[in-house]
Amino acid sequence: MSKITMAAAAAAGYVLGARAGRERYDQIVQKAEGAWNNPKVQKGKRRAQEKAEGKANEMSGDDSTPATSPAAPEDNQFNV
């Protein structure tokens, strides 16, 4: 891709994004937060996390200790 084509694409993206504006961005964020905080999504997240921890423990040969990271609290992992 030439520099002129890339600059034109960037300019078009900027203009189209600016037209959508902050209001649309806020709507998207609100919908994403609503989906993430949905009880069914949280249940799926917990199940996936438990399964991943089980597999990690299985691979390490230790089934007694959960594989959690103290640096990443589970409730704040994917805040939008």
PDB file of N, CA and C in Angstrom:
ATOM      1  N   MET A   1       0.854  -1.173   0.000  1.00  0.00           N
ATOM      2  CA  MET A   1       0.000   0.000   0.000  1.00  0.00           C
ATOM      3  C   MET A   1       0.899   1.234   0.000  1.00  0.00           C
ATOM      4  N   SER A   2       0.615   2.171  -0.904  1.00  0.00           N
ATOM      5  CA  SER A   2       1.444   3.366  -0.978  1.00  0.00           C
ATOM      6  C   SER A   2       1.125   4.308   0.177  1.00  0.00           C
ATOM      7  N   LYS A   3       2.035   5.228   0.399  1.00  0.00           N
ATOM      8  CA  LYS A   3       1.849   6.188   1.495  1.00  0.00           C
ATOM      9  C   LYS A   3       0.633   7.076   1.253  1.00  0.00           C
ATOM     10  N   ILE A   4       0.388   7.430   0.006  1.00  0.00           N
ATOM     11  CA  ILE A   4      -0.764   8.282  -0.313  1.00  0.00           C
ATOM     12  C   ILE A   4      -2.064   7.525  -0.053  1.00  0.00           C
ATOM     13  N   THR A   5      -2.133   6.268  -0.449  1.00  0.00           N
ATOM     14  CA  THR A   5      -3.328   5.460  -0.216  1.00  0.00           C
ATOM     15  C   THR A   5      -3.558   5.276   1.271  1.00  0.00           C
ATOM     16  N   MET A   6      -2.485   5.037   1.997  1.00  0.00           N
ATOM     17  CA  MET A   6      -2.602   4.849   3.442  1.00  0.00           C
ATOM     18  C   MET A   6      -3.071   6.131   4.128  1.00  0.00           C
ATOM     19  N   ALA A   7      -2.541   7.273   3.711  1.00  0.00           N
ATOM     20  CA  ALA A   7      -2.957   8.558   4.283  1.00  0.00           C
ATOM     21  C   ALA A   7      -4.420   8.838   3.962  1.00  0.00           C
ATOM     22  N   ALA A   8      -4.857   8.514   2.737  1.00  0.00           N
ATOM     23  CA  ALA A   8      -6.251   8.732   2.355  1.00  0.00           C
ATOM     24  C   ALA A   8      -7.175   7.839   3.177  1.00  0.00           C
ATOM     25  N   ALA A   9      -6.773   6.599   3.388  1.00  0.00           N
ATOM     26  CA  ALA A   9      -7.578   5.684   4.195  1.00  0.00           C
ATOM     27  C   ALA A   9      -7.667   6.173   5.635  1.00  0.00           C
ATOM     28  N   ALA A  10      -6.557   6.649   6.169  1.00  0.00           N
ATOM     29  CA  ALA A  10      -6.554   7.172   7.539  1.00  0.00           C
ATOM     30  C   ALA A  10      -7.447   8.403   7.650  1.00  0.00           C
ATOM     31  N   ALA A  11      -7.375   9.289   6.668  1.00  0.00           N
ATOM     32  CA  ALA A  11      -8.202  10.498   6.677  1.00  0.00           C
ATOM     33  C   ALA A  11      -9.682  10.136   6.587  1.00  0.00           C
ATOM     34  N   ALA A  12     -10.022   9.183   5.718  1.00  0.00           N
ATOM     35  CA  ALA A  12     -11.418   8.760   5.587  1.00  0.00           C
ATOM     36  C   ALA A  12     -11.909   8.137   6.887  1.00  0.00           C
ATOM     37  N   GLY A  13     -11.086   7.319   7.505  1.00  0.00           N
ATOM     38  CA  GLY A  13     -11.454   6.708   8.776  1.00  0.00           C
ATOM     39  C   GLY A  13     -11.675   7.738   9.860  1.00  0.00           C
ATOM     40  N   TYR A  14     -10.820   8.750   9.887  1.00  0.00           N
ATOM     41  CA  TYR A  14     -10.951   9.816  10.878  1.00  0.00           C
ATOM     42  C   TYR A  14     -12.256  10.584  10.688  1.00  0.00           C
ATOM     43  N   VAL A  15     -12.539  10.951   9.433  1.00  0.00           N
ATOM     44  CA  VAL A  15     -13.758  11.719   9.147  1.00  0.00           C
ATOM     45  C   VAL A  15     -15.001  10.908   9.498  1.00  0.00           C
ATOM     46  N   LEU A  16     -15.035   9.650   9.081  1.00  0.00           N
ATOM     47  CA  LEU A  16     -16.201   8.818   9.378  1.00  0.00           C
ATOM     48  C   LEU A  16     -16.341   8.585  10.873  1.00  0.00           C
ATOM     49  N   GLY A  17     -15.241   8.394  11.564  1.00  0.00           N
ATOM     50  CA  GLY A  17     -15.283   8.198  13.010  1.00  0.00           C
ATOM     51  C   GLY A  17     -15.731   9.451  13.737  1.00  0.00           C
ATOM     52  N   ALA A  18     -15.280  10.593  13.265  1.00  0.00           N
ATOM     53  CA  ALA A  18     -15.647  11.859  13.895  1.00  0.00           C
ATOM     54  C   ALA A  18     -17.136  12.142  13.712  1.00  0.00           C
ATOM     55  N   ARG A  19     -17.685  11.706  12.589  1.00  0.00           N
ATOM     56  CA  ARG A  19     -19.118  11.916  12.362  1.00  0.00           C
ATOM     57  C   ARG A  19     -19.955  11.115  13.345  1.00  0.00           C
ATOM     58  N   ALA A  20     -19.492   9.921  13.677  1.00  0.00           N
ATOM     59  CA  ALA A  20     -20.231   9.109  14.641  1.00  0.00           C
ATOM     60  C   ALA A  20     -20.224   9.794  16.002  1.00  0.00           C
ATOM     61  N   GLY A  21     -19.091  10.372  16.349  1.00  0.00           N
ATOM     62  CA  GLY A  21     -18.987  11.199  17.537  1.00  0.00           C
ATOM     63  C   GLY A  21     -19.003  10.459  18.858  1.00  0.00           C
ATOM     64  N   ARG A  22     -18.907  11.250  19.889  1.00  0.00           N
ATOM     65  CA  ARG A  22     -18.832  10.751  21.254  1.00  0.00           C
ATOM     66  C   ARG A  22     -20.122  10.057  21.673  1.00  0.00           C
ATOM     67  N   GLU A  23     -21.243  10.543  21.193  1.00  0.00           N
ATOM     68  CA  GLU A  23     -22.533   9.971  21.583  1.00  0.00           C
ATOM     69  C   GLU A  23     -22.613   8.495  21.168  1.00  0.00           C
ATOM     70  N   ARG A  24     -22.221   8.204  19.949  1.00  0.00           N
ATOM     71  CA  ARG A  24     -22.263   6.821  19.474  1.00  0.00           C
ATOM     72  C   ARG A  24     -21.270   5.966  20.242  1.00  0.00           C
ATOM     73  N   TYR A  25     -20.096   6.522  20.516  1.00  0.00           N
ATOM     74  CA  TYR A  25     -19.088   5.799  21.298  1.00  0.00           C
ATOM     75  C   TYR A  25     -19.653   5.438  22.665  1.00  0.00           C
ATOM     76  N   ASP A  26     -20.307   6.392  23.306  1.00  0.00           N
ATOM     77  CA  ASP A  26     -20.895   6.135  24.620  1.00  0.00           C
ATOM     78  C   ASP A  26     -21.982   5.059  24.554  1.00  0.00           C
ATOM     79  N   GLN A  27     -22.748   5.047  23.454  1.00  0.00           N
ATOM     80  CA  GLN A  27     -23.768   4.017  23.285  1.00  0.00           C
ATOM     81  C   GLN A  27     -23.129   2.633  23.177  1.00  0.00           C
ATOM     82  N   ILE A  28     -22.046   2.563  22.423  1.00  0.00           N
ATOM     83  CA  ILE A  28     -21.355   1.285  22.244  1.00  0.00           C
ATOM     84  C   ILE A  28     -20.780   0.807  23.571  1.00  0.00           C
ATOM     85  N   VAL A  29     -20.170   1.709  24.327  1.00  0.00           N
ATOM     86  CA  VAL A  29     -19.606   1.354  25.633  1.00  0.00           C
ATOM     87  C   VAL A  29     -20.706   0.873  26.567  1.00  0.00           C
ATOM     88  N   GLN A  30     -21.832   1.557  26.576  1.00  0.00           N
ATOM     89  CA  GLN A  30     -22.955   1.181  27.445  1.00  0.00           C
ATOM     90  C   GLN A  30     -23.461  -0.221  27.098  1.00  0.00           C
ATOM     91  N   LYS A  31     -23.591  -0.519  25.810  1.00  0.00           N
ATOM     92  CA  LYS A  31     -24.047  -1.852  25.387  1.00  0.00           C
ATOM     93  C   LYS A  31     -23.029  -2.922  25.771  1.00  0.00           C
ATOM     94  N   ALA A  32     -21.735  -2.627  25.591  1.00  0.00           N
ATOM     95  CA  ALA A  32     -20.690  -3.592  25.923  1.00  0.00           C
ATOM     96  C   ALA A  32     -20.683  -3.880  27.424  1.00  0.00           C
ATOM     97  N   GLU A  33     -20.820  -2.834  28.241  1.00  0.00           N
ATOM     98  CA  GLU A  33     -20.868  -3.026  29.692  1.00  0.00           C
ATOM     99  C   GLU A  33     -22.095  -3.833  30.090  1.00  0.00           C
ATOM    100  N   GLY A  34     -23.221  -3.537  29.457  1.00  0.00           N
ATOM    101  CA  GLY A  34     -24.447  -4.280  29.750  1.00  0.00           C
ATOM    102  C   GLY A  34     -24.300  -5.763  29.420  1.00  0.00           C
ATOM    103  N   ALA A  35     -23.676  -6.048  28.283  1.00  0.00           N
ATOM    104  CA  ALA A  35     -23.460  -7.445  27.899  1.00  0.00           C
ATOM    105  C   ALA A  35     -22.498  -8.123  28.861  1.00  0.00           C
ATOM    106  N   TRP A  36     -21.409  -7.451  29.214  1.00  0.00           N
ATOM    107  CA  TRP A  36     -20.411  -8.044  30.101  1.00  0.00           C
ATOM    108  C   TRP A  36     -20.980  -8.311  31.486  1.00  0.00           C
ATOM    109  N   ASN A  37     -21.857  -7.440  31.954  1.00  0.00           N
ATOM    110  CA  ASN A  37     -22.432  -7.584  33.300  1.00  0.00           C
ATOM    111  C   ASN A  37     -23.663  -8.491  33.326  1.00  0.00           C
ATOM    112  N   ASN A  38     -24.061  -9.026  32.190  1.00  0.00           N
ATOM    113  CA  ASN A  38     -25.190  -9.946  32.118  1.00  0.00           C
ATOM    114  C   ASN A  38     -24.866 -11.194  32.942  1.00  0.00           C
ATOM    115  N   PRO A  39     -25.795 -11.637  33.803  1.00  0.00           N
ATOM    116  CA  PRO A  39     -25.527 -12.812  34.640  1.00  0.00           C
ATOM    117  C   PRO A  39     -25.144 -14.065  33.843  1.00  0.00           C
ATOM    118  N   LYS A  40     -25.736 -14.254  32.673  1.00  0.00           N
ATOM    119  CA  LYS A  40     -25.393 -15.425  31.864  1.00  0.00           C
ATOM    120  C   LYS A  40     -23.946 -15.341  31.366  1.00  0.00           C
ATOM    121  N   VAL A  41     -23.517 -14.152  31.005  1.00  0.00           N
ATOM    122  CA  VAL A  41     -22.135 -13.966  30.550  1.00  0.00           C
ATOM    123  C   VAL A  41     -21.171 -14.196  31.713  1.00  0.00           C
ATOM    124  N   GLN A  42     -21.505 -13.677  32.881  1.00  0.00           N
ATOM    125  CA  GLN A  42     -20.645 -13.869  34.053  1.00  0.00           C
ATOM    126  C   GLN A  42     -20.570 -15.344  34.439  1.00  0.00           C
ATOM    127  N   LYS A  43     -21.691 -16.056  34.313  1.00  0.00           N
ATOM    128  CA  LYS A  43     -21.689 -17.490  34.609  1.00  0.00           C
ATOM    129  C   LYS A  43     -20.766 -18.220  33.628  1.00  0.00           C
ATOM    130  N   GLY A  44     -20.863 -17.873  32.359  1.00  0.00           N
ATOM    131  CA  GLY A  44     -19.988 -18.465  31.351  1.00  0.00           C
ATOM    132  C   GLY A  44     -18.529 -18.141  31.606  1.00  0.00           C
ATOM    133  N   LYS A  45     -18.267 -16.916  32.042  1.00  0.00           N
ATOM    134  CA  LYS A  45     -16.897 -16.503  32.361  1.00  0.00           C
ATOM    135  C   LYS A  45     -16.337 -17.345  33.502  1.00  0.00           C
ATOM    136  N   ARG A  46     -17.157 -17.527  34.545  1.00  0.00           N
ATOM    137  CA  ARG A  46     -16.707 -18.329  35.691  1.00  0.00           C
ATOM    138  C   ARG A  46     -16.447 -19.777  35.284  1.00  0.00           C
ATOM    139  N   ARG A  47     -17.341 -20.331  34.462  1.00  0.00           N
ATOM    140  CA  ARG A  47     -17.166 -21.721  34.025  1.00  0.00           C
ATOM    141  C   ARG A  47     -15.889 -21.874  33.192  1.00  0.00           C
ATOM    142  N   ALA A  48     -15.659 -20.923  32.300  1.00  0.00           N
ATOM    143  CA  ALA A  48     -14.455 -20.978  31.470  1.00  0.00           C
ATOM    144  C   ALA A  48     -13.205 -20.839  32.327  1.00  0.00           C
ATOM    145  N   GLN A  49     -13.262 -19.947  33.317  1.00  0.00           N
ATOM    146  CA  GLN A  49     -12.119 -19.751  34.194  1.00  0.00           C
ATOM    147  C   GLN A  49     -11.839 -21.010  35.016  1.00  0.00           C
ATOM    148  N   GLU A  50     -12.905 -21.623  35.538  1.00  0.00           N
ATOM    149  CA  GLU A  50     -12.730 -22.854  36.313  1.00  0.00           C
ATOM    150  C   GLU A  50     -12.149 -23.972  35.452  1.00  0.00           C
ATOM    151  N   LYS A  51     -12.642 -24.058  34.219  1.00  0.00           N
ATOM    152  CA  LYS A  51     -12.145 -25.093  33.319  1.00  0.00           C
ATOM    153  C   LYS A  51     -10.671 -24.852  32.982  1.00  0.00           C
ATOM    154  N   ALA A  52     -10.326 -23.602  32.727  1.00  0.00           N
ATOM    155  CA  ALA A  52      -8.928 -23.264  32.425  1.00  0.00           C
ATOM    156  C   ALA A  52      -8.027 -23.553  33.623  1.00  0.00           C
ATOM    157  N   GLU A  53      -8.504 -23.218  34.819  1.00  0.00           N
ATOM    158  CA  GLU A  53      -7.723 -23.501  36.016  1.00  0.00           C
ATOM    159  C   GLU A  53      -7.541 -25.002  36.198  1.00  0.00           C
ATOM    160  N   GLY A  54      -8.618 -25.771  35.937  1.00  0.00           N
ATOM    161  CA  GLY A  54      -8.533 -27.228  36.048  1.00  0.00           C
ATOM    162  C   GLY A  54      -7.511 -27.794  35.076  1.00  0.00           C
ATOM    163  N   LYS A  55      -7.527 -27.293  33.828  1.00  0.00           N
ATOM    164  CA  LYS A  55      -6.559 -27.762  32.835  1.00  0.00           C
ATOM    165  C   LYS A  55      -5.140 -27.368  33.222  1.00  0.00           C
ATOM    166  N   ALA A  56      -4.969 -26.158  33.749  1.00  0.00           N
ATOM    167  CA  ALA A  56      -3.637 -25.708  34.169  1.00  0.00           C
ATOM    168  C   ALA A  56      -3.124 -26.584  35.300  1.00  0.00           C
ATOM    169  N   ASN A  57      -4.001 -26.888  36.256  1.00  0.00           N
ATOM    170  CA  ASN A  57      -3.605 -27.755  37.364  1.00  0.00           C
ATOM    171  C   ASN A  57      -3.293 -29.160  36.872  1.00  0.00           C
ATOM    172  N   GLU A  58      -4.102 -29.623  35.905  1.00  0.00           N
ATOM    173  CA  GLU A  58      -3.890 -30.948  35.339  1.00  0.00           C
ATOM    174  C   GLU A  58      -2.524 -31.018  34.640  1.00  0.00           C
ATOM    175  N   MET A  59      -2.182 -29.962  33.929  1.00  0.00           N
ATOM    176  CA  MET A  59      -0.905 -29.937  33.217  1.00  0.00           C
ATOM    177  C   MET A  59       0.281 -29.815  34.173  1.00  0.00           C
ATOM    178  N   SER A  60       0.066 -29.128  35.294  1.00  0.00           N
ATOM    179  CA  SER A  60       1.157 -28.972  36.251  1.00  0.00           C
ATOM    180  C   SER A  60       1.260 -30.181  37.179  1.00  0.00           C
ATOM    181  N   GLY A  61       0.239 -31.050  37.133  1.00  0.00           N
ATOM    182  CA  GLY A  61       0.242 -32.240  37.972  1.00  0.00           C
ATOM    183  C   GLY A  61      -0.214 -31.981  39.391  1.00  0.00           C
ATOM    184  N   ASP A  62      -0.793 -30.803  39.636  1.00  0.00           N
ATOM    185  CA  ASP A  62      -1.247 -30.433  40.983  1.00  0.00           C
ATOM    186  C   ASP A  62      -2.726 -30.095  40.915  1.00  0.00           C
ATOM    187  N   ASP A  63      -3.574 -30.959  41.469  1.00  0.00           N
ATOM    188  CA  ASP A  63      -5.016 -30.737  41.448  1.00  0.00           C
ATOM    189  C   ASP A  63      -5.529 -30.045  42.703  1.00  0.00           C
ATOM    190  N   SER A  64      -4.651 -29.696  43.644  1.00  0.00           N
ATOM    191  CA  SER A  64      -5.113 -29.139  44.908  1.00  0.00           C
ATOM    192  C   SER A  64      -5.072 -27.622  44.953  1.00  0.00           C
ATOM    193  N   THR A  65      -4.273 -26.974  44.134  1.00  0.00           N
ATOM    194  CA  THR A  65      -4.112 -25.534  44.215  1.00  0.00           C
ATOM    195  C   THR A  65      -4.690 -24.867  42.974  1.00  0.00           C
ATOM    196  N   PRO A  66      -5.620 -23.900  43.151  1.00  0.00           N
ATOM    197  CA  PRO A  66      -6.152 -23.208  41.985  1.00  0.00           C
ATOM    198  C   PRO A  66      -5.077 -22.329  41.342  1.00  0.00           C
ATOM    199  N   ALA A  67      -5.110 -22.246  40.030  1.00  0.00           N
ATOM    200  CA  ALA A  67      -4.125 -21.452  39.302  1.00  0.00           C
ATOM    201  C   ALA A  67      -4.665 -20.048  39.100  1.00  0.00           C
ATOM    202  N   THR A  68      -4.576 -19.206  40.131  1.00  0.00           N
ATOM    203  CA  THR A  68      -5.041 -17.828  40.021  1.00  0.00           C
ATOM    204  C   THR A  68      -3.861 -16.895  40.154  1.00  0.00           C
ATOM    205  N   SER A  69      -4.032 -15.725  39.597  1.00  0.00           N
ATOM    206  CA  SER A  69      -2.970 -14.727  39.641  1.00  0.00           C
ATOM    207  C   SER A  69      -3.382 -13.606  40.580  1.00  0.00           C
ATOM    208  N   PRO A  70      -2.620 -13.316  41.615  1.00  0.00           N
ATOM    209  CA  PRO A  70      -2.995 -12.240  42.527  1.00  0.00           C
ATOM    210  C   PRO A  70      -2.904 -10.873  41.861  1.00  0.00           C
ATOM    211  N   ALA A  71      -2.180 -10.764  40.753  1.00  0.00           N
ATOM    212  CA  ALA A  71      -2.023  -9.486  40.080  1.00  0.00           C
ATOM    213  C   ALA A  71      -3.246  -9.114  39.260  1.00  0.00           C
ATOM    214  N   ALA A  72      -4.157 -10.064  38.999  1.00  0.00           N
ATOM    215  CA  ALA A  72      -5.314  -9.793  38.163  1.00  0.00           C
ATOM    216  C   ALA A  72      -6.595 -10.201  38.878  1.00  0.00           C
ATOM    217  N   PRO A  73      -7.236  -9.274  39.618  1.00  0.00           N
ATOM    218  CA  PRO A  73      -8.484  -9.620  40.298  1.00  0.00           C
ATOM    219  C   PRO A  73      -9.549 -10.005  39.282  1.00  0.00           C
ATOM    220  N   GLU A  74     -10.290 -11.071  39.562  1.00  0.00           N
ATOM    221  CA  GLU A  74     -11.208 -11.626  38.577  1.00  0.00           C
ATOM    222  C   GLU A  74     -12.362 -10.702  38.232  1.00  0.00           C
ATOM    223  N   ASP A  75     -12.803  -9.842  39.133  1.00  0.00           N
ATOM    224  CA  ASP A  75     -13.936  -8.981  38.838  1.00  0.00           C
ATOM    225  C   ASP A  75     -13.570  -7.786  37.982  1.00  0.00           C
ATOM    226  N   ASN A  76     -12.287  -7.463  37.849  1.00  0.00           N
ATOM    227  CA  ASN A  76     -11.879  -6.267  37.123  1.00  0.00           C
ATOM    228  C   ASN A  76     -11.039  -6.589  35.905  1.00  0.00           C
ATOM    229  N   GLN A  77     -11.135  -7.787  35.376  1.00  0.00           N
ATOM    230  CA  GLN A  77     -10.252  -8.173  34.278  1.00  0.00           C
ATOM    231  C   GLN A  77     -10.531  -7.424  32.989  1.00  0.00           C
ATOM    232  N   PHE A  78     -11.777  -7.265  32.611  1.00  0.00           N
ATOM    233  CA  PHE A  78     -12.077  -6.706  31.307  1.00  0.00           C
ATOM    234  C   PHE A  78     -13.017  -5.516  31.429  1.00  0.00           C
ATOM    235  N   ASN A  79     -12.645  -4.549  32.236  1.00  0.00           N
ATOM    236  CA  ASN A  79     -13.482  -3.360  32.358  1.00  0.00           C
ATOM    237  C   ASN A  79     -13.429  -2.569  31.076  1.00  0.00           C
ATOM    238  N   VAL A  80     -14.574  -2.085  30.683  1.00  0.00           N
ATOM    239  CA  VAL A  80     -14.664  -1.306  29.433  1.00  0.00           C
ATOM    240  C   VAL A  80     -14.706   0.145  29.758  1.00  0.00           C
TER     241      VAL A  80
END
